[in-house]
Amino acid sequence: MSDLPKGAKGISGGLTNYGDPEFARYLRRSFAKSMGYTGKMLDRPVVGICYTESGFNNCHRHFPEMLEAVKRGVLAEGGLPVPFPVISLGEVFLNPTSLVYRNLMAMAVEEMIRAQPMDSVVLMGGCDKTVPALLMGAASAGKPAVMLVAGPMMTGRHRGERLGACTDCRRFWGQYRAGKVDDQEIGQIEGRLAVTAGTCAVMGTASTMALIAETLGLALPGSAAIPAVHADRLRASEESGVLAARMAVEDGPAPDKLITPASVENALRVLLAVSGSTNAVIHLAAIAGRLGIEIDYDRFNELSDETPVLVDLKPVGSGYMEDFNAAGALEGVLRGLEPQLDKSPIDVTGRSLSERLSAPLADPIDHAVIRSARDPVFPEGGLIALKGSLAPDGAILKRAAATPELLEHEGRAVVFSSLEDLSNRIDDPDLDVTAEDVLVLQNAGPRSPSGMPEAGYLPIPKKLARQGVKDMVRISDARMSGTAFGTIVLHVTPEADLAGPLALVRDGDRIRLSASAKSIDLLVGAEELDRRKAERAETSGTWTRGYRKLYRDSVLPATKGCDFDFLQPET
């Protein structure tokens, strides 16, 4: 007989179907003992460790050491740690994009958590799409879960300045395209941008999602921003293992108790206050959507208008994630936003946000990096949603990363019909383009053959870059790296592949952007647009089999998080 604590099922949970449960239990224990476990160890609560190390994921190369720390914590608390692999998504190693495979990873996470005998689970991830995939899967699986992120990498050095992937990647690449950096120097920079394990060193998608995970209550408080190579990252790993073992016995809290309308709104405020990645709007919509919670763009704009940017980090400021961690990390942001937060949500420790914020600080907040609400970096939130005749269902603009003079702009459209068209013509010396024009990229949304790439950061045409032009208004149904910057309208919905207005834009059309009115409009008459729509040929997908066909047939729009329609909760 098992001596398992009440509430835990241990290795006997979810028995394989043989028509004889006792035989199934006996057979499972027999096979488990073939791995060297004693009967006493098999009588412990089981903590699964969802493990995403991969040779194609540089962000996770320190996971073996973190895994040992997690196992140490689980064992110390009386649990049995059992690691299991799932798909790993290395951002720059996937074609066409990592977003295409985020839902596949989320499905694998959900099914493996549900199918295998574990009482709770530690989710190990970090690189951009791995954290949302893990949280989406865990939310649907319904077992108690703790998110453990990789942590950001440390900065490199180049000729007297600090470098961090990938804001500085883009800055130097822009200088290279403009002829200000030569082949030899760009080769040097290539080896100095990403110099340790961990995720990007700026407030990109990975760090934004880590902060959102902690704000939602799914990660150990204080763990989101610890650098990957810091000893505190290993201590947080051990503590996450301890916590997961306790949750295995206490039966929770499960993600559905943590991801609530209140915690999601808190997460949106944090996203706005750190001027985080535009990708996080998609990912948070997907995570919340697994529990039937929608993100309303009008409410998002209300929050943005009353939530200041408090964090002075690249790509909108000057610092790096290692500075943010030393300055107070998420705790500093939450304290700065305290009057605006709903303090009722709880976290994985069972403590409410009110209790967290009433505890004394271990160290003072460094207000040079994390400003107070009285002295913000920007008085309003870093992101806004746009609507208008070009994006009836919405689009996203990171106004804190934009050129202020371009936030109210009307210009002539210069249209690229695909990524291939963009690549072929953007640097053509004969391209009819000026700095006042609006660059438009079509057919780069979720359903497109390019899989909604981070191509919204359209390059400045080389002939303009060499004249000193650094920014232009750029519009697409694509995404943008969280590390990028510029006056860039993204996630235009409906996308071009679904015959949205974006598909009807032609060279020479006038487009008006107004950040103050939160609008993006195509200044073409309805009759002319109807004529163009009637002439437009139906698109046919190039993905005709396997997972990619499933993706194209089932993916929801950006406003719904690009999740699959059949993964939404039953109503």
Protein backbone atom coordinates (compact mmCIF):
# COMPACT_ATOMS: atom_id res chain seq x y z
CA MET A 1 0.00 0.00 0.00
CA SER A 2 1.13 3.55 -0.74
CA ASP A 3 1.96 6.08 1.99
CA LEU A 4 1.20 9.03 -0.27
CA PRO A 5 -0.04 12.21 1.39
CA LYS A 6 -3.71 12.99 0.97
CA GLY A 7 -4.35 14.76 -2.33
CA ALA A 8 -1.46 13.17 -4.24
CA LYS A 9 -1.76 10.21 -6.59
CA GLY A 10 1.92 9.79 -7.35
CA ILE A 11 3.02 7.21 -9.88
CA SER A 12 -0.46 5.64 -9.77
CA GLY A 13 -2.16 8.67 -11.30
CA GLY A 14 -3.78 8.26 -14.71
CA LEU A 15 -3.20 4.53 -15.12
CA THR A 16 -2.77 3.02 -18.56
CA ASN A 17 -5.91 1.23 -19.71
CA TYR A 18 -5.59 -2.57 -19.61
CA GLY A 19 -9.05 -3.30 -18.25
CA ASP A 20 -7.50 -4.14 -14.84
CA PRO A 21 -6.38 -1.10 -12.76
CA GLU A 22 -4.46 -3.19 -10.21
CA PHE A 23 -2.51 -4.91 -12.98
CA ALA A 24 -1.81 -1.50 -14.57
CA ARG A 25 -0.45 -0.18 -11.26
CA TYR A 26 1.68 -3.31 -10.71
CA LEU A 27 3.07 -3.15 -14.25
CA ARG A 28 3.85 0.56 -14.03
CA ARG A 29 5.75 0.15 -10.76
CA SER A 30 7.64 -2.80 -12.21
CA PHE A 31 8.78 -0.76 -15.21
CA ALA A 32 9.59 2.22 -12.98
CA LYS A 33 11.78 -0.01 -10.84
CA SER A 34 13.73 -0.92 -13.97
CA MET A 35 15.06 2.67 -13.75
CA GLY A 36 16.49 1.95 -10.30
CA TYR A 37 13.79 3.49 -8.11
CA THR A 38 13.05 1.93 -4.74
CA GLY A 39 9.51 1.24 -3.63
CA LYS A 40 9.81 4.02 -1.04
CA MET A 41 10.74 6.57 -3.71
CA LEU A 42 7.79 5.47 -5.86
CA ASP A 43 5.47 6.19 -2.94
CA ARG A 44 6.27 9.91 -3.13
CA PRO A 45 4.17 12.60 -4.87
CA VAL A 46 5.40 13.03 -8.46
CA VAL A 47 6.57 16.42 -9.73
CA GLY A 48 6.91 16.44 -13.49
CA ILE A 49 9.57 18.73 -14.95
CA CYS A 50 8.62 19.89 -18.43
CA TYR A 51 12.07 20.24 -19.99
CA THR A 52 12.92 22.23 -23.11
CA GLU A 53 16.68 21.98 -23.56
CA SER A 54 17.68 21.64 -27.22
CA GLY A 55 20.78 21.96 -29.35
CA PHE A 56 18.68 24.30 -31.47
CA ASN A 57 17.90 26.62 -28.55
CA ASN A 58 20.86 28.68 -27.37
CA CYS A 59 18.73 30.42 -24.73
CA HIS A 60 18.37 27.13 -22.82
CA ARG A 61 21.95 25.83 -22.86
CA HIS A 62 22.23 26.21 -19.08
CA PHE A 63 19.14 24.10 -18.41
CA PRO A 64 21.02 20.95 -17.35
CA GLU A 65 22.36 22.81 -14.30
CA MET A 66 18.96 24.37 -13.59
CA LEU A 67 17.33 20.95 -13.87
CA GLU A 68 19.59 19.52 -11.18
CA ALA A 69 18.64 22.41 -8.88
CA VAL A 70 14.91 21.81 -9.48
CA LYS A 71 15.32 18.11 -8.72
CA ARG A 72 17.24 18.99 -5.56
CA GLY A 73 14.33 21.12 -4.36
CA VAL A 74 11.71 18.49 -5.14
CA LEU A 75 13.64 15.79 -3.31
CA ALA A 76 14.25 18.02 -0.30
CA GLU A 77 10.49 18.55 0.04
CA GLY A 78 9.68 14.84 -0.22
CA GLY A 79 8.64 14.63 -3.85
CA LEU A 80 9.84 12.51 -6.76
CA PRO A 81 11.16 14.68 -9.64
CA VAL A 82 10.55 13.23 -13.11
CA PRO A 83 11.82 15.27 -16.08
CA PHE A 84 10.20 14.79 -19.47
CA PRO A 85 11.01 16.44 -22.81
CA VAL A 86 8.70 18.47 -24.99
CA ILE A 87 9.22 20.50 -28.15
CA SER A 88 11.67 23.37 -27.77
CA LEU A 89 11.39 26.52 -29.88
CA GLY A 90 14.67 28.29 -30.56
CA GLU A 91 13.60 31.63 -32.02
CA VAL A 92 16.20 32.00 -34.78
CA PHE A 93 16.46 28.32 -35.69
CA LEU A 94 12.92 27.73 -36.98
CA ASN A 95 11.44 28.14 -40.45
CA PRO A 96 9.23 29.89 -41.33
CA THR A 97 8.78 31.28 -37.79
CA SER A 98 8.62 30.06 -34.20
CA LEU A 99 5.04 31.34 -33.91
CA VAL A 100 3.86 28.67 -36.33
CA TYR A 101 5.04 26.02 -33.86
CA ARG A 102 3.99 27.69 -30.60
CA ASN A 103 0.58 26.00 -30.70
CA LEU A 104 2.14 22.63 -31.54
CA MET A 105 4.35 22.95 -28.47
CA ALA A 106 1.36 24.04 -26.37
CA MET A 107 -0.57 20.96 -27.49
CA ALA A 108 2.36 18.70 -26.61
CA VAL A 109 2.70 20.33 -23.18
CA GLU A 110 -1.00 20.00 -22.43
CA GLU A 111 -1.24 16.38 -23.49
CA MET A 112 1.95 15.23 -21.76
CA ILE A 113 0.96 16.91 -18.49
CA ARG A 114 -2.49 15.37 -18.69
CA ALA A 115 -1.42 11.90 -19.89
CA GLN A 116 1.52 11.24 -17.57
CA PRO A 117 1.32 10.57 -13.82
CA MET A 118 2.29 13.81 -12.10
CA ASP A 119 0.70 15.69 -9.23
CA SER A 120 2.25 19.02 -10.21
CA VAL A 121 4.69 20.28 -12.80
CA VAL A 122 7.61 22.68 -13.17
CA LEU A 123 7.60 24.37 -16.58
CA MET A 124 11.14 25.17 -17.77
CA GLY A 125 11.29 27.64 -20.63
CA GLY A 126 12.63 31.00 -21.66
CA CYS A 127 13.05 31.64 -25.37
CA ASP A 128 10.27 33.79 -26.78
CA LYS A 129 7.53 31.30 -27.71
CA THR A 130 8.38 28.63 -25.12
CA VAL A 131 6.94 30.54 -22.15
CA PRO A 132 3.52 31.23 -23.73
CA ALA A 133 3.38 27.67 -25.12
CA LEU A 134 4.11 26.23 -21.67
CA LEU A 135 1.53 28.47 -19.99
CA MET A 136 -1.12 27.79 -22.63
CA GLY A 137 -0.63 24.04 -22.29
CA ALA A 138 -0.56 24.11 -18.50
CA ALA A 139 -3.68 26.29 -18.33
CA SER A 140 -5.60 23.73 -20.38
CA ALA A 141 -4.12 20.69 -18.60
CA GLY A 142 -5.36 21.96 -15.25
CA LYS A 143 -2.68 20.58 -12.91
CA PRO A 144 -0.74 22.77 -10.42
CA ALA A 145 2.19 24.33 -12.26
CA VAL A 146 5.19 26.57 -11.56
CA MET A 147 6.84 28.54 -14.37
CA LEU A 148 10.65 28.66 -14.22
CA VAL A 149 12.22 30.91 -16.84
CA ALA A 150 15.73 30.81 -18.27
CA GLY A 151 16.58 34.37 -17.31
CA PRO A 152 18.25 37.02 -19.48
CA MET A 153 21.82 36.82 -20.76
CA MET A 154 24.50 39.26 -19.65
CA THR A 155 25.74 42.03 -21.91
CA GLY A 156 28.82 41.92 -24.11
CA ARG A 157 31.32 44.65 -24.90
CA HIS A 158 32.39 46.30 -28.15
CA ARG A 159 34.85 49.18 -28.41
CA GLY A 160 33.94 50.68 -25.08
CA GLU A 161 30.17 50.14 -25.06
CA ARG A 162 27.88 47.47 -23.71
CA LEU A 163 26.02 45.34 -26.22
CA GLY A 164 22.90 43.26 -25.77
CA ALA A 165 20.88 41.14 -28.14
CA CYS A 166 18.97 42.12 -29.96
CA THR A 167 18.28 45.86 -29.92
CA ASP A 168 21.95 46.47 -30.56
CA CYS A 169 21.90 43.78 -33.29
CA ARG A 170 19.41 45.90 -35.21
CA ARG A 171 21.15 49.18 -34.50
CA PHE A 172 24.46 47.97 -35.88
CA TRP A 173 22.81 46.19 -38.81
CA GLY A 174 21.14 49.47 -39.72
CA GLN A 175 24.53 51.18 -39.60
CA TYR A 176 26.00 48.42 -41.74
CA ARG A 177 23.25 48.87 -44.35
CA ALA A 178 23.90 52.62 -44.29
CA GLY A 179 27.62 52.03 -44.95
CA LYS A 180 28.76 53.31 -41.54
CA VAL A 181 30.02 49.90 -40.34
CA ASP A 182 32.26 47.77 -42.55
CA ASP A 183 32.40 43.99 -43.07
CA GLN A 184 35.19 43.48 -40.56
CA GLU A 185 33.45 45.33 -37.74
CA ILE A 186 30.06 43.70 -38.32
CA GLY A 187 31.86 40.36 -38.05
CA GLN A 188 33.33 41.41 -34.70
CA ILE A 189 29.95 42.57 -33.45
CA GLU A 190 28.38 39.27 -34.47
CA GLY A 191 30.50 37.50 -31.83
CA ARG A 192 29.90 40.09 -29.10
CA LEU A 193 26.13 40.49 -29.05
CA ALA A 194 25.09 37.24 -27.35
CA VAL A 195 27.86 36.12 -25.00
CA THR A 196 26.20 33.97 -22.31
CA ALA A 197 23.34 31.54 -21.88
CA GLY A 198 19.92 33.06 -21.47
CA THR A 199 17.36 35.14 -23.33
CA CYS A 200 17.84 38.55 -24.93
CA ALA A 201 19.45 41.14 -22.66
CA VAL A 202 16.81 43.82 -23.28
CA MET A 203 13.08 44.13 -22.64
CA GLY A 204 12.21 41.87 -25.56
CA THR A 205 9.57 39.20 -25.82
CA ALA A 206 11.29 36.67 -23.55
CA SER A 207 11.75 39.03 -20.62
CA THR A 208 8.33 40.59 -21.15
CA MET A 209 6.71 37.15 -21.00
CA ALA A 210 8.74 36.23 -17.92
CA LEU A 211 7.40 39.32 -16.14
CA ILE A 212 3.87 38.55 -17.31
CA ALA A 213 4.16 34.98 -16.00
CA GLU A 214 5.23 36.27 -12.59
CA THR A 215 2.50 38.95 -12.59
CA LEU A 216 -0.12 36.31 -13.39
CA GLY A 217 1.10 34.49 -10.29
CA LEU A 218 2.53 31.48 -12.13
CA ALA A 219 6.20 31.94 -11.22
CA LEU A 220 8.09 32.19 -7.95
CA PRO A 221 7.92 35.84 -6.82
CA GLY A 222 11.13 37.66 -7.65
CA SER A 223 12.36 35.10 -10.18
CA ALA A 224 11.47 36.58 -13.59
CA ALA A 225 14.48 38.83 -14.18
CA ILE A 226 17.36 36.97 -12.50
CA PRO A 227 20.18 36.66 -15.08
CA ALA A 228 20.65 33.18 -16.52
CA VAL A 229 24.20 32.81 -15.25
CA HIS A 230 23.63 34.24 -11.77
CA ALA A 231 23.72 31.90 -8.76
CA ASP A 232 20.31 33.26 -7.79
CA ARG A 233 18.92 31.59 -10.93
CA LEU A 234 19.91 28.21 -9.48
CA ARG A 235 18.50 29.12 -6.08
CA ALA A 236 15.22 30.11 -7.76
CA SER A 237 15.27 26.76 -9.57
CA GLU A 238 15.66 24.88 -6.30
CA GLU A 239 12.93 26.94 -4.64
CA SER A 240 10.63 26.30 -7.61
CA GLY A 241 11.16 22.57 -7.08
CA VAL A 242 10.34 22.91 -3.38
CA LEU A 243 7.20 24.88 -4.20
CA ALA A 244 6.05 22.38 -6.84
CA ALA A 245 6.45 19.51 -4.37
CA ARG A 246 4.29 21.36 -1.86
CA MET A 247 1.68 22.08 -4.53
CA ALA A 248 1.61 18.37 -5.40
CA VAL A 249 0.46 17.57 -1.89
CA GLU A 250 -1.78 20.60 -1.38
CA ASP A 251 -3.43 20.22 -4.81
CA GLY A 252 -2.74 23.65 -6.08
CA PRO A 253 -3.28 26.32 -6.89
CA ALA A 254 -3.83 25.28 -10.51
CA PRO A 255 -3.50 27.84 -13.34
CA ASP A 256 -7.23 28.49 -13.54
CA LYS A 257 -7.11 29.88 -9.99
CA LEU A 258 -4.28 32.25 -10.96
CA ILE A 259 -5.18 33.38 -14.48
CA THR A 260 -8.24 35.52 -13.79
CA PRO A 261 -9.64 38.72 -15.32
CA ALA A 262 -8.00 40.65 -12.48
CA SER A 263 -4.55 39.08 -12.87
CA VAL A 264 -4.71 39.49 -16.66
CA GLU A 265 -5.47 43.20 -16.28
CA ASN A 266 -2.55 43.51 -13.85
CA ALA A 267 -0.36 41.78 -16.43
CA LEU A 268 -1.48 44.26 -19.09
CA ARG A 269 -0.55 47.14 -16.80
CA VAL A 270 2.90 45.65 -16.25
CA LEU A 271 3.31 45.18 -20.01
CA LEU A 272 2.51 48.85 -20.52
CA ALA A 273 4.70 50.05 -17.64
CA VAL A 274 7.79 48.19 -18.88
CA SER A 275 6.98 49.14 -22.50
CA GLY A 276 7.28 45.47 -23.28
CA SER A 277 7.14 43.50 -26.48
CA THR A 278 4.20 43.87 -28.86
CA ASN A 279 4.30 40.07 -29.17
CA ALA A 280 3.13 39.85 -25.58
CA VAL A 281 -0.29 41.18 -26.61
CA ILE A 282 -0.72 38.11 -28.83
CA HIS A 283 0.69 35.67 -26.27
CA LEU A 284 -1.29 37.01 -23.32
CA ALA A 285 -4.47 36.85 -25.42
CA ALA A 286 -3.69 33.20 -26.17
CA ILE A 287 -2.93 32.30 -22.54
CA ALA A 288 -6.01 34.09 -21.18
CA GLY A 289 -8.10 32.71 -24.03
CA ARG A 290 -7.47 29.17 -22.82
CA LEU A 291 -9.62 30.09 -19.81
CA GLY A 292 -12.22 32.07 -21.72
CA ILE A 293 -10.80 35.51 -20.89
CA GLU A 294 -10.66 38.01 -23.76
CA ILE A 295 -8.49 41.11 -24.10
CA ASP A 296 -10.61 44.08 -25.14
CA TYR A 297 -8.64 46.62 -27.18
CA ASP A 298 -10.72 49.56 -25.96
CA ARG A 299 -9.98 48.63 -22.35
CA PHE A 300 -6.33 48.08 -23.32
CA ASN A 301 -6.18 51.69 -24.53
CA GLU A 302 -7.83 52.96 -21.36
CA LEU A 303 -5.16 51.19 -19.33
CA SER A 304 -2.41 52.54 -21.58
CA ASP A 305 -3.57 56.13 -21.22
CA GLU A 306 -3.41 55.92 -17.43
CA THR A 307 -0.38 53.67 -16.96
CA PRO A 308 3.05 55.35 -17.17
CA VAL A 309 6.20 53.75 -18.53
CA LEU A 310 8.41 53.27 -15.48
CA VAL A 311 11.32 51.22 -16.82
CA ASP A 312 14.31 52.80 -18.58
CA LEU A 313 15.51 49.82 -20.63
CA LYS A 314 16.28 49.19 -24.27
CA PRO A 315 14.67 49.21 -26.77
CA VAL A 316 12.88 52.37 -25.51
CA GLY A 317 15.46 53.41 -22.90
CA SER A 318 19.12 52.89 -22.12
CA GLY A 319 19.53 50.00 -19.68
CA TYR A 320 19.62 46.20 -19.88
CA MET A 321 17.88 43.39 -18.03
CA GLU A 322 20.82 42.88 -15.65
CA ASP A 323 20.34 46.52 -14.56
CA PHE A 324 16.60 45.96 -14.15
CA ASN A 325 17.16 42.92 -11.93
CA ALA A 326 19.62 44.80 -9.70
CA ALA A 327 17.25 47.79 -9.53
CA GLY A 328 14.36 45.83 -8.05
CA ALA A 329 12.93 43.88 -11.01
CA LEU A 330 9.18 43.23 -11.10
CA GLU A 331 8.84 44.14 -7.42
CA GLY A 332 9.90 47.69 -8.25
CA VAL A 333 7.37 47.94 -11.07
CA LEU A 334 4.54 46.55 -8.94
CA ARG A 335 5.33 49.03 -6.16
CA GLY A 336 5.27 51.87 -8.68
CA LEU A 337 1.90 50.75 -10.03
CA GLU A 338 0.41 49.78 -6.66
CA PRO A 339 -2.48 52.28 -6.61
CA GLN A 340 -3.64 51.04 -10.03
CA LEU A 341 -3.38 47.29 -9.42
CA ASP A 342 -6.06 44.85 -8.32
CA LYS A 343 -4.46 43.33 -5.23
CA SER A 344 -6.81 40.37 -4.85
CA PRO A 345 -5.14 37.81 -7.19
CA ILE A 346 -2.99 35.11 -5.57
CA ASP A 347 0.23 33.53 -6.81
CA VAL A 348 1.70 30.02 -6.73
CA THR A 349 2.67 30.46 -3.09
CA GLY A 350 -0.97 31.13 -2.18
CA ARG A 351 -0.13 34.70 -1.19
CA SER A 352 -2.25 37.58 -2.51
CA LEU A 353 -0.73 40.54 -4.33
CA SER A 354 -1.84 42.69 -1.40
CA GLU A 355 0.23 40.55 0.97
CA ARG A 356 3.21 40.64 -1.39
CA LEU A 357 3.17 44.42 -1.64
CA SER A 358 2.76 44.91 2.10
CA ALA A 359 5.95 42.96 2.87
CA PRO A 360 9.10 45.02 3.50
CA LEU A 361 11.56 45.40 0.63
CA ALA A 362 14.84 43.51 0.95
CA ASP A 363 16.65 46.31 -0.94
CA PRO A 364 15.67 49.82 -2.00
CA ILE A 365 14.43 50.31 -5.57
CA ASP A 366 16.92 52.02 -7.88
CA HIS A 367 14.85 54.79 -9.39
CA ALA A 368 17.44 55.53 -12.05
CA VAL A 369 16.24 52.32 -13.76
CA ILE A 370 12.72 51.83 -12.36
CA ARG A 371 11.17 55.24 -12.08
CA SER A 372 8.41 56.28 -9.72
CA ALA A 373 4.98 57.18 -11.07
CA ARG A 374 5.77 60.82 -10.25
CA ASP A 375 8.83 60.77 -12.53
CA PRO A 376 8.04 58.31 -15.35
CA VAL A 377 10.03 57.62 -18.49
CA PHE A 378 6.80 58.36 -20.41
CA PRO A 379 3.53 59.55 -18.86
CA GLU A 380 1.49 57.00 -20.82
CA GLY A 381 1.80 53.29 -21.53
CA GLY A 382 4.24 52.07 -24.15
CA LEU A 383 1.71 50.31 -26.41
CA ILE A 384 -1.66 51.20 -27.91
CA ALA A 385 -4.23 49.50 -30.09
CA LEU A 386 -5.31 51.20 -33.30
CA LYS A 387 -8.53 50.81 -35.27
CA GLY A 388 -9.79 52.36 -38.47
CA SER A 389 -10.56 51.66 -42.08
CA LEU A 390 -7.21 49.94 -42.59
CA ALA A 391 -7.55 47.77 -39.46
CA PRO A 392 -11.25 47.37 -38.58
CA ASP A 393 -10.53 44.71 -35.95
CA GLY A 394 -7.37 46.32 -34.63
CA ALA A 395 -3.61 46.74 -34.87
CA ILE A 396 -0.83 47.41 -32.36
CA LEU A 397 1.67 50.28 -32.15
CA LYS A 398 4.53 50.57 -29.68
CA ARG A 399 4.34 54.31 -29.31
CA ALA A 400 7.16 54.50 -26.77
CA ALA A 401 9.56 53.10 -29.39
CA ALA A 402 8.30 55.39 -32.17
CA THR A 403 9.64 58.68 -33.49
CA PRO A 404 7.38 61.30 -31.86
CA GLU A 405 7.09 63.35 -35.06
CA LEU A 406 5.69 60.34 -36.92
CA LEU A 407 2.93 59.51 -34.44
CA GLU A 408 0.65 61.90 -36.33
CA HIS A 409 1.42 61.32 -40.00
CA GLU A 410 -0.18 61.08 -43.40
CA GLY A 411 1.78 59.70 -46.32
CA ARG A 412 1.80 57.90 -49.62
CA ALA A 413 1.81 54.10 -49.54
CA VAL A 414 4.72 52.15 -50.99
CA VAL A 415 3.42 48.60 -51.10
CA PHE A 416 5.20 45.24 -50.96
CA SER A 417 2.95 42.27 -51.64
CA SER A 418 5.06 39.66 -49.80
CA LEU A 419 8.34 39.08 -48.04
CA GLU A 420 9.88 38.05 -51.35
CA ASP A 421 8.72 41.26 -53.00
CA LEU A 422 10.13 43.25 -50.08
CA SER A 423 13.48 41.49 -50.34
CA ASN A 424 13.67 41.97 -54.10
CA ARG A 425 12.79 45.67 -54.24
CA ILE A 426 13.51 47.45 -50.94
CA ASP A 427 17.07 48.36 -51.92
CA ASP A 428 16.39 48.97 -55.61
CA PRO A 429 17.92 52.38 -56.43
CA ASP A 430 14.95 53.05 -58.71
CA LEU A 431 12.34 52.41 -56.00
CA ASP A 432 9.96 55.37 -55.91
CA VAL A 433 10.14 56.20 -52.21
CA THR A 434 10.78 59.17 -49.94
CA ALA A 435 11.17 59.50 -46.18
CA GLU A 436 7.61 60.85 -45.92
CA ASP A 437 6.08 57.74 -47.48
CA VAL A 438 4.48 54.84 -45.61
CA LEU A 439 5.98 51.39 -46.21
CA VAL A 440 3.28 48.69 -46.37
CA LEU A 441 3.88 44.93 -46.24
CA GLN A 442 1.03 42.59 -47.18
CA ASN A 443 0.53 38.83 -46.76
CA ALA A 444 2.67 38.38 -43.66
CA GLY A 445 -0.11 37.58 -41.17
CA PRO A 446 -0.88 34.40 -39.23
CA ARG A 447 -2.33 32.47 -42.21
CA SER A 448 0.30 33.58 -44.72
CA PRO A 449 3.00 31.22 -46.03
CA SER A 450 5.49 33.28 -44.02
CA GLY A 451 3.71 32.44 -40.75
CA MET A 452 3.45 35.96 -39.26
CA PRO A 453 7.21 36.61 -39.10
CA GLU A 454 8.93 39.35 -37.14
CA ALA A 455 9.20 41.24 -40.42
CA GLY A 456 7.13 44.27 -39.42
CA TYR A 457 10.41 46.05 -38.79
CA LEU A 458 10.77 46.72 -42.51
CA PRO A 459 14.28 47.89 -43.38
CA ILE A 460 14.70 51.51 -44.35
CA PRO A 461 15.43 51.53 -48.11
CA LYS A 462 19.17 51.62 -48.49
CA LYS A 463 19.19 54.80 -50.53
CA LEU A 464 17.29 56.58 -47.75
CA ALA A 465 19.38 55.02 -44.97
CA ARG A 466 22.49 56.43 -46.62
CA GLN A 467 20.85 59.85 -46.55
CA GLY A 468 20.48 59.52 -42.77
CA VAL A 469 16.83 58.40 -42.59
CA LYS A 470 16.42 56.25 -39.47
CA ASP A 471 12.66 55.78 -39.20
CA MET A 472 9.55 55.76 -41.35
CA VAL A 473 5.95 54.73 -40.72
CA ARG A 474 5.75 51.02 -41.52
CA ILE A 475 2.55 48.96 -41.56
CA SER A 476 1.92 45.22 -41.87
CA ASP A 477 -0.02 42.22 -40.63
CA ALA A 478 3.29 40.80 -39.39
CA ARG A 479 4.91 40.92 -35.97
CA MET A 480 8.03 42.72 -34.73
CA SER A 481 10.74 41.53 -32.41
CA GLY A 482 10.31 42.82 -28.89
CA THR A 483 13.85 44.16 -29.17
CA ALA A 484 13.06 46.36 -32.20
CA PHE A 485 12.08 50.01 -32.38
CA GLY A 486 10.50 52.50 -34.76
CA THR A 487 7.09 53.84 -35.84
CA ILE A 488 5.71 50.46 -36.75
CA VAL A 489 2.05 49.40 -36.98
CA LEU A 490 1.69 45.64 -36.51
CA HIS A 491 -0.85 42.80 -36.37
CA VAL A 492 -3.23 44.55 -38.77
CA THR A 493 -6.51 42.61 -38.55
CA PRO A 494 -8.16 41.25 -40.65
CA GLU A 495 -4.96 40.18 -42.31
CA ALA A 496 -4.32 40.42 -46.05
CA ASP A 497 -4.69 36.67 -46.56
CA LEU A 498 -8.30 36.98 -45.40
CA ALA A 499 -8.95 39.85 -47.82
CA GLY A 500 -8.79 42.50 -45.12
CA PRO A 501 -8.42 46.13 -46.21
CA LEU A 502 -4.64 45.75 -45.99
CA ALA A 503 -4.83 43.48 -49.06
CA LEU A 504 -6.45 46.28 -51.04
CA VAL A 505 -3.80 48.96 -50.53
CA ARG A 506 -2.06 50.11 -53.72
CA ASP A 507 1.02 52.22 -54.39
CA GLY A 508 0.16 55.88 -54.06
CA ASP A 509 -2.82 55.48 -51.71
CA ARG A 510 -2.85 57.90 -48.79
CA ILE A 511 -2.67 56.44 -45.27
CA ARG A 512 -3.19 58.40 -42.06
CA LEU A 513 -1.79 57.36 -38.66
CA SER A 514 -2.99 59.15 -35.54
CA ALA A 515 -1.68 57.87 -32.23
CA SER A 516 -3.71 60.47 -30.35
CA ALA A 517 -6.93 59.26 -32.00
CA LYS A 518 -5.67 55.66 -31.91
CA SER A 519 -6.56 55.28 -35.55
CA ILE A 520 -5.06 53.96 -38.78
CA ASP A 521 -7.00 54.78 -41.94
CA LEU A 522 -6.75 54.06 -45.64
CA LEU A 523 -7.94 57.21 -47.39
CA VAL A 524 -9.60 55.50 -50.34
CA GLY A 525 -13.31 55.62 -51.10
CA ALA A 526 -15.59 52.66 -50.38
CA GLU A 527 -16.58 52.29 -54.04
CA GLU A 528 -12.97 51.97 -55.15
CA LEU A 529 -12.22 49.46 -52.39
CA ASP A 530 -15.23 47.38 -53.41
CA ARG A 531 -13.95 47.37 -57.00
CA ARG A 532 -10.50 46.23 -55.87
CA LYS A 533 -11.96 43.51 -53.68
CA ALA A 534 -14.05 42.18 -56.56
CA GLU A 535 -10.95 42.00 -58.76
CA ARG A 536 -8.84 40.29 -56.10
CA ALA A 537 -8.08 36.63 -56.75
CA GLU A 538 -8.74 34.15 -53.94
CA THR A 539 -5.60 32.98 -52.19
CA SER A 540 -4.87 29.29 -51.85
CA GLY A 541 -2.65 27.93 -49.13
CA THR A 542 0.72 26.46 -49.97
CA TRP A 543 0.52 24.20 -46.92
CA THR A 544 -1.52 21.18 -47.98
CA ARG A 545 -0.63 18.45 -45.49
CA GLY A 546 0.48 17.73 -41.94
CA TYR A 547 0.78 20.17 -39.11
CA ARG A 548 1.24 23.20 -41.34
CA LYS A 549 -2.13 22.56 -43.00
CA LEU A 550 -3.70 22.18 -39.55
CA TYR A 551 -2.11 25.50 -38.57
CA ARG A 552 -3.39 27.38 -41.62
CA ASP A 553 -6.88 25.91 -41.36
CA SER A 554 -7.26 26.51 -37.61
CA VAL A 555 -5.26 29.59 -36.57
CA LEU A 556 -7.23 32.47 -35.07
CA PRO A 557 -6.42 36.14 -35.79
CA ALA A 558 -3.87 38.13 -33.84
CA THR A 559 -6.62 39.73 -31.75
CA LYS A 560 -7.44 36.23 -30.44
CA GLY A 561 -3.83 35.32 -29.77
CA CYS A 562 -3.22 33.22 -32.92
CA ASP A 563 -4.31 30.13 -30.99
CA PHE A 564 -6.19 27.32 -32.72
CA ASP A 565 -9.96 27.59 -32.81
CA PHE A 566 -10.41 24.02 -31.52
CA LEU A 567 -8.25 24.68 -28.44
CA GLN A 568 -10.61 27.31 -27.05
CA PRO A 569 -12.62 26.30 -23.97
CA GLU A 570 -16.07 24.89 -24.55
CA THR A 571 -18.81 27.37 -23.79
